[in-house]
């Protein structure tokens, strides 16, 4: 998974930073922003989008549903709308399991 954890001390992230975190183009970030109401970037005086950590977490859920689970945008939208907290928790569990898998594979290679 290409997702990279955002820097903890930052409050806002430019669209290019968010795109880089997920390994996607900025155009996809703008598209998802329009398609999903849970993404609400702030705009500075020059109109540049500034995303919060919450927005980044929401992008992560969208990325997981669309790119990793293979849902359509409509399917992802419905899942987020019906169970928003559950989707975020499911994502965290999937990340934990992937981390454990990586650790176990490392142990296996060391044997």
PDB file of N, CA and C in Angstrom:
ATOM      1  N   UNK A   1       0.853  -1.171   0.000  1.00  0.00           N
ATOM      2  CA  UNK A   1       0.000   0.000   0.000  1.00  0.00           C
ATOM      3  C   UNK A   1       0.900   1.235   0.000  1.00  0.00           C
ATOM      4  N   UNK A   2       0.662   2.190  -0.890  1.00  0.00           N
ATOM      5  CA  UNK A   2       1.558   3.341  -0.994  1.00  0.00           C
ATOM      6  C   UNK A   2       1.340   4.412   0.059  1.00  0.00           C
ATOM      7  N   UNK A   3       0.328   4.275   0.889  1.00  0.00           N
ATOM      8  CA  UNK A   3       0.025   5.329   1.853  1.00  0.00           C
ATOM      9  C   UNK A   3       1.199   5.578   2.780  1.00  0.00           C
ATOM     10  N   UNK A   4       1.515   6.855   2.967  1.00  0.00           N
ATOM     11  CA  UNK A   4       2.559   7.264   3.905  1.00  0.00           C
ATOM     12  C   UNK A   4       1.921   8.132   4.975  1.00  0.00           C
ATOM     13  N   UNK A   5       2.204   7.838   6.229  1.00  0.00           N
ATOM     14  CA  UNK A   5       1.626   8.558   7.354  1.00  0.00           C
ATOM     15  C   UNK A   5       2.017  10.032   7.304  1.00  0.00           C
ATOM     16  N   UNK A   6       1.046  10.935   7.503  1.00  0.00           N
ATOM     17  CA  UNK A   6       1.374  12.363   7.491  1.00  0.00           C
ATOM     18  C   UNK A   6       2.242  12.770   8.677  1.00  0.00           C
ATOM     19  N   UNK A   7       2.979  13.842   8.498  1.00  0.00           N
ATOM     20  CA  UNK A   7       3.812  14.390   9.561  1.00  0.00           C
ATOM     21  C   UNK A   7       2.921  14.851  10.704  1.00  0.00           C
ATOM     22  N   UNK A   8       3.180  14.375  11.938  1.00  0.00           N
ATOM     23  CA  UNK A   8       2.264  14.680  13.050  1.00  0.00           C
ATOM     24  C   UNK A   8       2.164  16.156  13.405  1.00  0.00           C
ATOM     25  N   UNK A   9       3.206  16.935  13.219  1.00  0.00           N
ATOM     26  CA  UNK A   9       3.162  18.324  13.648  1.00  0.00           C
ATOM     27  C   UNK A   9       2.453  19.245  12.653  1.00  0.00           C
ATOM     28  N   UNK A  10       2.110  18.760  11.483  1.00  0.00           N
ATOM     29  CA  UNK A  10       1.427  19.588  10.497  1.00  0.00           C
ATOM     30  C   UNK A  10      -0.080  19.546  10.714  1.00  0.00           C
ATOM     31  N   UNK A  11      -0.720  20.702  10.518  1.00  0.00           N
ATOM     32  CA  UNK A  11      -2.177  20.769  10.628  1.00  0.00           C
ATOM     33  C   UNK A  11      -2.853  20.702   9.268  1.00  0.00           C
ATOM     34  N   UNK A  12      -2.175  21.188   8.234  1.00  0.00           N
ATOM     35  CA  UNK A  12      -2.745  21.224   6.892  1.00  0.00           C
ATOM     36  C   UNK A  12      -1.753  20.673   5.884  1.00  0.00           C
ATOM     37  N   UNK A  13      -2.307  20.063   4.838  1.00  0.00           N
ATOM     38  CA  UNK A  13      -1.491  19.458   3.795  1.00  0.00           C
ATOM     39  C   UNK A  13      -1.955  19.970   2.436  1.00  0.00           C
ATOM     40  N   UNK A  14      -1.004  20.327   1.593  1.00  0.00           N
ATOM     41  CA  UNK A  14      -1.315  20.774   0.236  1.00  0.00           C
ATOM     42  C   UNK A  14      -1.759  19.564  -0.582  1.00  0.00           C
ATOM     43  N   UNK A  15      -2.443  19.825  -1.667  1.00  0.00           N
ATOM     44  CA  UNK A  15      -2.967  18.742  -2.496  1.00  0.00           C
ATOM     45  C   UNK A  15      -1.843  17.845  -3.026  1.00  0.00           C
ATOM     46  N   UNK A  16      -0.698  18.438  -3.344  1.00  0.00           N
ATOM     47  CA  UNK A  16       0.433  17.647  -3.826  1.00  0.00           C
ATOM     48  C   UNK A  16       0.969  16.701  -2.762  1.00  0.00           C
ATOM     49  N   UNK A  17       0.972  17.158  -1.512  1.00  0.00           N
ATOM     50  CA  UNK A  17       1.419  16.301  -0.407  1.00  0.00           C
ATOM     51  C   UNK A  17       0.472  15.114  -0.218  1.00  0.00           C
ATOM     52  N   UNK A  18      -0.822  15.386  -0.295  1.00  0.00           N
ATOM     53  CA  UNK A  18      -1.819  14.321  -0.126  1.00  0.00           C
ATOM     54  C   UNK A  18      -1.697  13.314  -1.274  1.00  0.00           C
ATOM     55  N   UNK A  19      -1.556  13.816  -2.482  1.00  0.00           N
ATOM     56  CA  UNK A  19      -1.411  12.922  -3.634  1.00  0.00           C
ATOM     57  C   UNK A  19      -0.175  12.034  -3.473  1.00  0.00           C
ATOM     58  N   UNK A  20       0.905  12.607  -3.001  1.00  0.00           N
ATOM     59  CA  UNK A  20       2.139  11.841  -2.812  1.00  0.00           C
ATOM     60  C   UNK A  20       1.968  10.766  -1.737  1.00  0.00           C
ATOM     61  N   UNK A  21       1.210  11.069  -0.680  1.00  0.00           N
ATOM     62  CA  UNK A  21       0.971  10.090   0.386  1.00  0.00           C
ATOM     63  C   UNK A  21       0.339   8.819  -0.162  1.00  0.00           C
ATOM     64  N   UNK A  22      -0.522   8.988  -1.172  1.00  0.00           N
ATOM     65  CA  UNK A  22      -1.266   7.848  -1.712  1.00  0.00           C
ATOM     66  C   UNK A  22      -0.722   7.350  -3.045  1.00  0.00           C
ATOM     67  N   UNK A  23       0.290   8.023  -3.562  1.00  0.00           N
ATOM     68  CA  UNK A  23       0.861   7.596  -4.837  1.00  0.00           C
ATOM     69  C   UNK A  23      -0.096   7.781  -6.002  1.00  0.00           C
ATOM     70  N   UNK A  24      -0.870   8.859  -5.975  1.00  0.00           N
ATOM     71  CA  UNK A  24      -1.837   9.138  -7.038  1.00  0.00           C
ATOM     72  C   UNK A  24      -1.615  10.557  -7.567  1.00  0.00           C
ATOM     73  N   UNK A  25      -2.272  10.888  -8.651  1.00  0.00           N
ATOM     74  CA  UNK A  25      -2.198  12.235  -9.217  1.00  0.00           C
ATOM     75  C   UNK A  25      -3.097  13.195  -8.441  1.00  0.00           C
ATOM     76  N   UNK A  26      -2.746  14.470  -8.485  1.00  0.00           N
ATOM     77  CA  UNK A  26      -3.568  15.481  -7.824  1.00  0.00           C
ATOM     78  C   UNK A  26      -4.971  15.541  -8.422  1.00  0.00           C
ATOM     79  N   UNK A  27      -5.080  15.195  -9.703  1.00  0.00           N
ATOM     80  CA  UNK A  27      -6.410  15.217 -10.331  1.00  0.00           C
ATOM     81  C   UNK A  27      -7.348  14.203  -9.674  1.00  0.00           C
ATOM     82  N   UNK A  28      -6.802  13.066  -9.219  1.00  0.00           N
ATOM     83  CA  UNK A  28      -7.638  12.082  -8.531  1.00  0.00           C
ATOM     84  C   UNK A  28      -8.074  12.610  -7.170  1.00  0.00           C
ATOM     85  N   UNK A  29      -7.190  13.322  -6.496  1.00  0.00           N
ATOM     86  CA  UNK A  29      -7.547  13.919  -5.204  1.00  0.00           C
ATOM     87  C   UNK A  29      -8.676  14.929  -5.398  1.00  0.00           C
ATOM     88  N   UNK A  30      -8.575  15.781  -6.429  1.00  0.00           N
ATOM     89  CA  UNK A  30      -9.648  16.755  -6.707  1.00  0.00           C
ATOM     90  C   UNK A  30     -10.949  16.041  -7.059  1.00  0.00           C
ATOM     91  N   UNK A  31     -10.849  14.968  -7.837  1.00  0.00           N
ATOM     92  CA  UNK A  31     -12.033  14.208  -8.238  1.00  0.00           C
ATOM     93  C   UNK A  31     -12.710  13.605  -7.008  1.00  0.00           C
ATOM     94  N   UNK A  32     -11.932  12.952  -6.147  1.00  0.00           N
ATOM     95  CA  UNK A  32     -12.515  12.346  -4.951  1.00  0.00           C
ATOM     96  C   UNK A  32     -13.114  13.413  -4.044  1.00  0.00           C
ATOM     97  N   UNK A  33     -12.498  14.570  -3.992  1.00  0.00           N
ATOM     98  CA  UNK A  33     -13.039  15.672  -3.186  1.00  0.00           C
ATOM     99  C   UNK A  33     -14.454  16.024  -3.648  1.00  0.00           C
ATOM    100  N   UNK A  34     -14.658  16.041  -4.964  1.00  0.00           N
ATOM    101  CA  UNK A  34     -15.977  16.373  -5.507  1.00  0.00           C
ATOM    102  C   UNK A  34     -16.969  15.234  -5.315  1.00  0.00           C
ATOM    103  N   UNK A  35     -16.474  14.004  -5.348  1.00  0.00           N
ATOM    104  CA  UNK A  35     -17.351  12.832  -5.283  1.00  0.00           C
ATOM    105  C   UNK A  35     -17.767  12.440  -3.865  1.00  0.00           C
ATOM    106  N   UNK A  36     -16.965  12.790  -2.872  1.00  0.00           N
ATOM    107  CA  UNK A  36     -17.222  12.363  -1.498  1.00  0.00           C
ATOM    108  C   UNK A  36     -17.395  13.576  -0.594  1.00  0.00           C
ATOM    109  N   UNK A  37     -18.554  13.679   0.011  1.00  0.00           N
ATOM    110  CA  UNK A  37     -18.870  14.842   0.845  1.00  0.00           C
ATOM    111  C   UNK A  37     -18.075  14.875   2.154  1.00  0.00           C
ATOM    112  N   UNK A  38     -17.424  13.770   2.516  1.00  0.00           N
ATOM    113  CA  UNK A  38     -16.649  13.761   3.763  1.00  0.00           C
ATOM    114  C   UNK A  38     -15.323  14.501   3.624  1.00  0.00           C
ATOM    115  N   UNK A  39     -14.944  14.852   2.410  1.00  0.00           N
ATOM    116  CA  UNK A  39     -13.713  15.613   2.167  1.00  0.00           C
ATOM    117  C   UNK A  39     -14.095  17.084   2.076  1.00  0.00           C
ATOM    118  N   UNK A  40     -13.564  17.869   3.008  1.00  0.00           N
ATOM    119  CA  UNK A  40     -13.899  19.295   3.047  1.00  0.00           C
ATOM    120  C   UNK A  40     -12.635  20.122   3.267  1.00  0.00           C
ATOM    121  N   UNK A  41     -11.865  20.341   2.206  1.00  0.00           N
ATOM    122  CA  UNK A  41     -10.625  21.103   2.398  1.00  0.00           C
ATOM    123  C   UNK A  41     -10.898  22.578   2.668  1.00  0.00           C
ATOM    124  N   UNK A  42      -9.968  23.189   3.370  1.00  0.00           N
ATOM    125  CA  UNK A  42      -9.994  24.638   3.556  1.00  0.00           C
ATOM    126  C   UNK A  42      -9.295  25.221   2.339  1.00  0.00           C
ATOM    127  N   UNK A  43      -9.604  26.435   2.014  1.00  0.00           N
ATOM    128  CA  UNK A  43      -8.900  27.096   0.915  1.00  0.00           C
ATOM    129  C   UNK A  43      -8.250  28.359   1.459  1.00  0.00           C
ATOM    130  N   UNK A  44      -6.975  28.557   1.077  1.00  0.00           N
ATOM    131  CA  UNK A  44      -6.286  29.760   1.543  1.00  0.00           C
ATOM    132  C   UNK A  44      -6.708  30.949   0.692  1.00  0.00           C
ATOM    133  N   UNK A  45      -6.115  32.095   0.949  1.00  0.00           N
ATOM    134  CA  UNK A  45      -6.521  33.326   0.260  1.00  0.00           C
ATOM    135  C   UNK A  45      -6.304  33.257  -1.253  1.00  0.00           C
ATOM    136  N   UNK A  46      -5.387  32.405  -1.690  1.00  0.00           N
ATOM    137  CA  UNK A  46      -5.156  32.279  -3.132  1.00  0.00           C
ATOM    138  C   UNK A  46      -5.966  31.138  -3.746  1.00  0.00           C
ATOM    139  N   UNK A  47      -6.800  30.456  -2.934  1.00  0.00           N
ATOM    140  CA  UNK A  47      -7.667  29.399  -3.445  1.00  0.00           C
ATOM    141  C   UNK A  47      -7.051  28.011  -3.427  1.00  0.00           C
ATOM    142  N   UNK A  48      -5.861  27.869  -2.866  1.00  0.00           N
ATOM    143  CA  UNK A  48      -5.222  26.542  -2.792  1.00  0.00           C
ATOM    144  C   UNK A  48      -5.917  25.704  -1.730  1.00  0.00           C
ATOM    145  N   UNK A  49      -6.103  24.426  -2.067  1.00  0.00           N
ATOM    146  CA  UNK A  49      -6.737  23.510  -1.133  1.00  0.00           C
ATOM    147  C   UNK A  49      -5.750  23.141  -0.024  1.00  0.00           C
ATOM    148  N   UNK A  50      -6.266  23.131   1.207  1.00  0.00           N
ATOM    149  CA  UNK A  50      -5.485  22.703   2.360  1.00  0.00           C
ATOM    150  C   UNK A  50      -6.300  21.644   3.087  1.00  0.00           C
ATOM    151  N   UNK A  51      -5.747  20.441   3.159  1.00  0.00           N
ATOM    152  CA  UNK A  51      -6.457  19.316   3.748  1.00  0.00           C
ATOM    153  C   UNK A  51      -6.003  19.089   5.188  1.00  0.00           C
ATOM    154  N   UNK A  52      -6.954  18.780   6.060  1.00  0.00           N
ATOM    155  CA  UNK A  52      -6.656  18.489   7.465  1.00  0.00           C
ATOM    156  C   UNK A  52      -6.277  17.014   7.605  1.00  0.00           C
ATOM    157  N   UNK A  53      -5.829  16.646   8.799  1.00  0.00           N
ATOM    158  CA  UNK A  53      -5.525  15.238   9.076  1.00  0.00           C
ATOM    159  C   UNK A  53      -6.786  14.386   8.941  1.00  0.00           C
ATOM    160  N   UNK A  54      -7.923  14.945   9.322  1.00  0.00           N
ATOM    161  CA  UNK A  54      -9.198  14.227   9.179  1.00  0.00           C
ATOM    162  C   UNK A  54      -9.490  13.962   7.699  1.00  0.00           C
ATOM    163  N   UNK A  55      -9.234  14.963   6.851  1.00  0.00           N
ATOM    164  CA  UNK A  55      -9.402  14.764   5.408  1.00  0.00           C
ATOM    165  C   UNK A  55      -8.489  13.652   4.909  1.00  0.00           C
ATOM    166  N   UNK A  56      -7.245  13.647   5.382  1.00  0.00           N
ATOM    167  CA  UNK A  56      -6.289  12.619   4.967  1.00  0.00           C
ATOM    168  C   UNK A  56      -6.777  11.240   5.414  1.00  0.00           C
ATOM    169  N   UNK A  57      -7.298  11.145   6.641  1.00  0.00           N
ATOM    170  CA  UNK A  57      -7.863   9.872   7.105  1.00  0.00           C
ATOM    171  C   UNK A  57      -9.032   9.440   6.222  1.00  0.00           C
ATOM    172  N   UNK A  58      -9.866  10.402   5.842  1.00  0.00           N
ATOM    173  CA  UNK A  58     -10.999  10.080   4.970  1.00  0.00           C
ATOM    174  C   UNK A  58     -10.527   9.644   3.580  1.00  0.00           C
ATOM    175  N   UNK A  59      -9.498  10.306   3.065  1.00  0.00           N
ATOM    176  CA  UNK A  59      -8.918   9.857   1.791  1.00  0.00           C
ATOM    177  C   UNK A  59      -8.404   8.433   1.917  1.00  0.00           C
ATOM    178  N   UNK A  60      -7.846   8.118   3.064  1.00  0.00           N
ATOM    179  CA  UNK A  60      -7.319   6.772   3.259  1.00  0.00           C
ATOM    180  C   UNK A  60      -8.435   5.732   3.193  1.00  0.00           C
ATOM    181  N   UNK A  61      -9.563   6.036   3.809  1.00  0.00           N
ATOM    182  CA  UNK A  61     -10.713   5.122   3.752  1.00  0.00           C
ATOM    183  C   UNK A  61     -11.183   4.978   2.303  1.00  0.00           C
ATOM    184  N   UNK A  62     -11.285   6.089   1.591  1.00  0.00           N
ATOM    185  CA  UNK A  62     -11.712   6.052   0.183  1.00  0.00           C
ATOM    186  C   UNK A  62     -10.724   5.244  -0.637  1.00  0.00           C
ATOM    187  N   UNK A  63      -9.434   5.504  -0.448  1.00  0.00           N
ATOM    188  CA  UNK A  63      -8.395   4.779  -1.181  1.00  0.00           C
ATOM    189  C   UNK A  63      -8.532   3.282  -0.926  1.00  0.00           C
ATOM    190  N   UNK A  64      -8.698   2.913   0.338  1.00  0.00           N
ATOM    191  CA  UNK A  64      -8.815   1.498   0.698  1.00  0.00           C
ATOM    192  C   UNK A  64     -10.019   0.849   0.012  1.00  0.00           C
ATOM    193  N   UNK A  65     -11.159   1.515   0.077  1.00  0.00           N
ATOM    194  CA  UNK A  65     -12.367   0.941  -0.509  1.00  0.00           C
ATOM    195  C   UNK A  65     -12.289   0.834  -2.029  1.00  0.00           C
ATOM    196  N   UNK A  66     -11.767   1.876  -2.669  1.00  0.00           N
ATOM    197  CA  UNK A  66     -11.768   1.919  -4.134  1.00  0.00           C
ATOM    198  C   UNK A  66     -10.578   1.158  -4.733  1.00  0.00           C
ATOM    199  N   UNK A  67      -9.390   1.441  -4.239  1.00  0.00           N
ATOM    200  CA  UNK A  67      -8.184   0.871  -4.850  1.00  0.00           C
ATOM    201  C   UNK A  67      -7.834  -0.517  -4.333  1.00  0.00           C
ATOM    202  N   UNK A  68      -8.088  -0.772  -3.061  1.00  0.00           N
ATOM    203  CA  UNK A  68      -7.693  -2.060  -2.491  1.00  0.00           C
ATOM    204  C   UNK A  68      -8.822  -3.074  -2.464  1.00  0.00           C
ATOM    205  N   UNK A  69     -10.032  -2.625  -2.140  1.00  0.00           N
ATOM    206  CA  UNK A  69     -11.174  -3.552  -2.136  1.00  0.00           C
ATOM    207  C   UNK A  69     -11.853  -3.628  -3.495  1.00  0.00           C
ATOM    208  N   UNK A  70     -11.589  -2.664  -4.365  1.00  0.00           N
ATOM    209  CA  UNK A  70     -12.143  -2.692  -5.711  1.00  0.00           C
ATOM    210  C   UNK A  70     -13.589  -2.243  -5.830  1.00  0.00           C
ATOM    211  N   UNK A  71     -14.081  -1.501  -4.860  1.00  0.00           N
ATOM    212  CA  UNK A  71     -15.457  -1.010  -4.947  1.00  0.00           C
ATOM    213  C   UNK A  71     -15.559   0.113  -5.978  1.00  0.00           C
ATOM    214  N   UNK A  72     -16.740   0.270  -6.522  1.00  0.00           N
ATOM    215  CA  UNK A  72     -16.998   1.417  -7.383  1.00  0.00           C
ATOM    216  C   UNK A  72     -17.124   2.650  -6.498  1.00  0.00           C
ATOM    217  N   UNK A  73     -17.105   3.832  -7.108  1.00  0.00           N
ATOM    218  CA  UNK A  73     -17.280   5.053  -6.317  1.00  0.00           C
ATOM    219  C   UNK A  73     -18.623   5.045  -5.614  1.00  0.00           C
ATOM    220  N   UNK A  74     -19.661   4.594  -6.317  1.00  0.00           N
ATOM    221  CA  UNK A  74     -20.992   4.538  -5.719  1.00  0.00           C
ATOM    222  C   UNK A  74     -21.016   3.559  -4.549  1.00  0.00           C
ATOM    223  N   UNK A  75     -20.367   2.407  -4.717  1.00  0.00           N
ATOM    224  CA  UNK A  75     -20.304   1.423  -3.639  1.00  0.00           C
ATOM    225  C   UNK A  75     -19.549   1.953  -2.433  1.00  0.00           C
ATOM    226  N   UNK A  76     -18.439   2.636  -2.677  1.00  0.00           N
ATOM    227  CA  UNK A  76     -17.657   3.223  -1.586  1.00  0.00           C
ATOM    228  C   UNK A  76     -18.468   4.299  -0.878  1.00  0.00           C
ATOM    229  N   UNK A  77     -19.152   5.124  -1.643  1.00  0.00           N
ATOM    230  CA  UNK A  77     -19.966   6.194  -1.075  1.00  0.00           C
ATOM    231  C   UNK A  77     -21.050   5.614  -0.169  1.00  0.00           C
ATOM    232  N   UNK A  78     -21.699   4.540  -0.629  1.00  0.00           N
ATOM    233  CA  UNK A  78     -22.765   3.912   0.163  1.00  0.00           C
ATOM    234  C   UNK A  78     -22.221   3.307   1.446  1.00  0.00           C
ATOM    235  N   UNK A  79     -21.063   2.634   1.367  1.00  0.00           N
ATOM    236  CA  UNK A  79     -20.470   2.029   2.564  1.00  0.00           C
ATOM    237  C   UNK A  79     -20.070   3.094   3.575  1.00  0.00           C
ATOM    238  N   UNK A  80     -19.487   4.189   3.109  1.00  0.00           N
ATOM    239  CA  UNK A  80     -19.077   5.266   4.008  1.00  0.00           C
ATOM    240  C   UNK A  80     -20.291   5.909   4.657  1.00  0.00           C
ATOM    241  N   UNK A  81     -21.338   6.103   3.868  1.00  0.00           N
ATOM    242  CA  UNK A  81     -22.540   6.751   4.390  1.00  0.00           C
ATOM    243  C   UNK A  81     -23.251   5.862   5.413  1.00  0.00           C
ATOM    244  N   UNK A  82     -23.307   4.568   5.158  1.00  0.00           N
ATOM    245  CA  UNK A  82     -24.051   3.682   6.052  1.00  0.00           C
ATOM    246  C   UNK A  82     -23.289   3.359   7.338  1.00  0.00           C
ATOM    247  N   UNK A  83     -21.951   3.268   7.253  1.00  0.00           N
ATOM    248  CA  UNK A  83     -21.164   2.885   8.433  1.00  0.00           C
ATOM    249  C   UNK A  83     -19.827   3.619   8.446  1.00  0.00           C
ATOM    250  N   UNK A  84     -19.831   4.938   8.631  1.00  0.00           N
ATOM    251  CA  UNK A  84     -18.568   5.683   8.527  1.00  0.00           C
ATOM    252  C   UNK A  84     -17.513   5.265   9.546  1.00  0.00           C
ATOM    253  N   UNK A  85     -17.892   5.088  10.795  1.00  0.00           N
ATOM    254  CA  UNK A  85     -16.915   4.698  11.817  1.00  0.00           C
ATOM    255  C   UNK A  85     -16.431   3.276  11.618  1.00  0.00           C
ATOM    256  N   UNK A  86     -17.312   2.411  11.177  1.00  0.00           N
ATOM    257  CA  UNK A  86     -16.943   1.013  10.948  1.00  0.00           C
ATOM    258  C   UNK A  86     -15.911   0.904   9.830  1.00  0.00           C
ATOM    259  N   UNK A  87     -16.066   1.689   8.779  1.00  0.00           N
ATOM    260  CA  UNK A  87     -15.103   1.652   7.674  1.00  0.00           C
ATOM    261  C   UNK A  87     -13.726   2.107   8.130  1.00  0.00           C
ATOM    262  N   UNK A  88     -13.678   3.141   8.959  1.00  0.00           N
ATOM    263  CA  UNK A  88     -12.392   3.620   9.468  1.00  0.00           C
ATOM    264  C   UNK A  88     -11.765   2.550  10.358  1.00  0.00           C
ATOM    265  N   UNK A  89     -12.564   1.916  11.218  1.00  0.00           N
ATOM    266  CA  UNK A  89     -12.052   0.853  12.087  1.00  0.00           C
ATOM    267  C   UNK A  89     -11.588  -0.348  11.279  1.00  0.00           C
ATOM    268  N   UNK A  90     -12.340  -0.709  10.238  1.00  0.00           N
ATOM    269  CA  UNK A  90     -11.934  -1.820   9.375  1.00  0.00           C
ATOM    270  C   UNK A  90     -10.587  -1.539   8.716  1.00  0.00           C
ATOM    271  N   UNK A  91     -10.391  -0.304   8.312  1.00  0.00           N
ATOM    272  CA  UNK A  91      -9.138   0.079   7.695  1.00  0.00           C
ATOM    273  C   UNK A  91      -7.986  -0.081   8.683  1.00  0.00           C
ATOM    274  N   UNK A  92      -8.187   0.351   9.911  1.00  0.00           N
ATOM    275  CA  UNK A  92      -7.145   0.228  10.937  1.00  0.00           C
ATOM    276  C   UNK A  92      -6.817  -1.242  11.202  1.00  0.00           C
ATOM    277  N   UNK A  93      -7.819  -2.108  11.237  1.00  0.00           N
ATOM    278  CA  UNK A  93      -7.594  -3.534  11.446  1.00  0.00           C
ATOM    279  C   UNK A  93      -6.805  -4.110  10.269  1.00  0.00           C
ATOM    280  N   UNK A  94      -7.174  -3.741   9.047  1.00  0.00           N
ATOM    281  CA  UNK A  94      -6.466  -4.226   7.864  1.00  0.00           C
ATOM    282  C   UNK A  94      -5.005  -3.782   7.890  1.00  0.00           C
ATOM    283  N   UNK A  95      -4.753  -2.548   8.308  1.00  0.00           N
ATOM    284  CA  UNK A  95      -3.385  -2.057   8.401  1.00  0.00           C
ATOM    285  C   UNK A  95      -2.599  -2.840   9.448  1.00  0.00           C
ATOM    286  N   UNK A  96      -3.219  -3.101  10.580  1.00  0.00           N
ATOM    287  CA  UNK A  96      -2.550  -3.863  11.642  1.00  0.00           C
ATOM    288  C   UNK A  96      -2.215  -5.269  11.176  1.00  0.00           C
ATOM    289  N   UNK A  97      -3.160  -5.910  10.495  1.00  0.00           N
ATOM    290  CA  UNK A  97      -2.908  -7.259   9.988  1.00  0.00           C
ATOM    291  C   UNK A  97      -1.799  -7.274   8.943  1.00  0.00           C
ATOM    292  N   UNK A  98      -1.754  -6.272   8.089  1.00  0.00           N
ATOM    293  CA  UNK A  98      -0.687  -6.190   7.084  1.00  0.00           C
ATOM    294  C   UNK A  98       0.665  -6.013   7.758  1.00  0.00           C
ATOM    295  N   UNK A  99       0.687  -5.215   8.822  1.00  0.00           N
ATOM    296  CA  UNK A  99       1.934  -5.000   9.561  1.00  0.00           C
ATOM    297  C   UNK A  99       2.386  -6.309  10.217  1.00  0.00           C
ATOM    298  N   UNK A 100       1.462  -7.030  10.829  1.00  0.00           N
ATOM    299  CA  UNK A 100       1.787  -8.312  11.458  1.00  0.00           C
ATOM    300  C   UNK A 100       2.289  -9.300  10.416  1.00  0.00           C
ATOM    301  N   UNK A 101       1.649  -9.323   9.261  1.00  0.00           N
ATOM    302  CA  UNK A 101       2.079 -10.212   8.181  1.00  0.00           C
ATOM    303  C   UNK A 101       3.518  -9.902   7.780  1.00  0.00           C
ATOM    304  N   UNK A 102       3.827  -8.619   7.624  1.00  0.00           N
ATOM    305  CA  UNK A 102       5.191  -8.221   7.261  1.00  0.00           C
ATOM    306  C   UNK A 102       6.191  -8.664   8.326  1.00  0.00           C
ATOM    307  N   UNK A 103       5.822  -8.499   9.585  1.00  0.00           N
ATOM    308  CA  UNK A 103       6.704  -8.934  10.667  1.00  0.00           C
ATOM    309  C   UNK A 103       6.940 -10.440  10.636  1.00  0.00           C
ATOM    310  N   UNK A 104       5.877 -11.205  10.439  1.00  0.00           N
ATOM    311  CA  UNK A 104       5.995 -12.652  10.387  1.00  0.00           C
ATOM    312  C   UNK A 104       6.812 -13.121   9.191  1.00  0.00           C
ATOM    313  N   UNK A 105       6.633 -12.465   8.052  1.00  0.00           N
ATOM    314  CA  UNK A 105       7.440 -12.815   6.882  1.00  0.00           C
ATOM    315  C   UNK A 105       8.914 -12.525   7.139  1.00  0.00           C
ATOM    316  N   UNK A 106       9.193 -11.444   7.874  1.00  0.00           N
ATOM    317  CA  UNK A 106      10.576 -11.129   8.234  1.00  0.00           C
ATOM    318  C   UNK A 106      11.167 -12.181   9.150  1.00  0.00           C
ATOM    319  N   UNK A 107      10.366 -12.669  10.104  1.00  0.00           N
ATOM    320  CA  UNK A 107      10.823 -13.727  10.998  1.00  0.00           C
ATOM    321  C   UNK A 107      11.081 -15.008  10.204  1.00  0.00           C
ATOM    322  N   UNK A 108      10.179 -15.314   9.281  1.00  0.00           N
ATOM    323  CA  UNK A 108      10.318 -16.523   8.460  1.00  0.00           C
ATOM    324  C   UNK A 108      11.610 -16.477   7.652  1.00  0.00           C
ATOM    325  N   UNK A 109      11.915 -15.322   7.083  1.00  0.00           N
ATOM    326  CA  UNK A 109      13.139 -15.179   6.286  1.00  0.00           C
ATOM    327  C   UNK A 109      14.372 -15.343   7.167  1.00  0.00           C
ATOM    328  N   UNK A 110      14.264 -14.950   8.434  1.00  0.00           N
ATOM    329  CA  UNK A 110      15.394 -15.055   9.351  1.00  0.00           C
ATOM    330  C   UNK A 110      15.647 -16.457   9.845  1.00  0.00           C
ATOM    331  N   UNK A 111      14.728 -17.359   9.604  1.00  0.00           N
ATOM    332  CA  UNK A 111      14.893 -18.759  10.077  1.00  0.00           C
ATOM    333  C   UNK A 111      15.761 -19.576   9.172  1.00  0.00           C
TER     334      UNK A 111
END
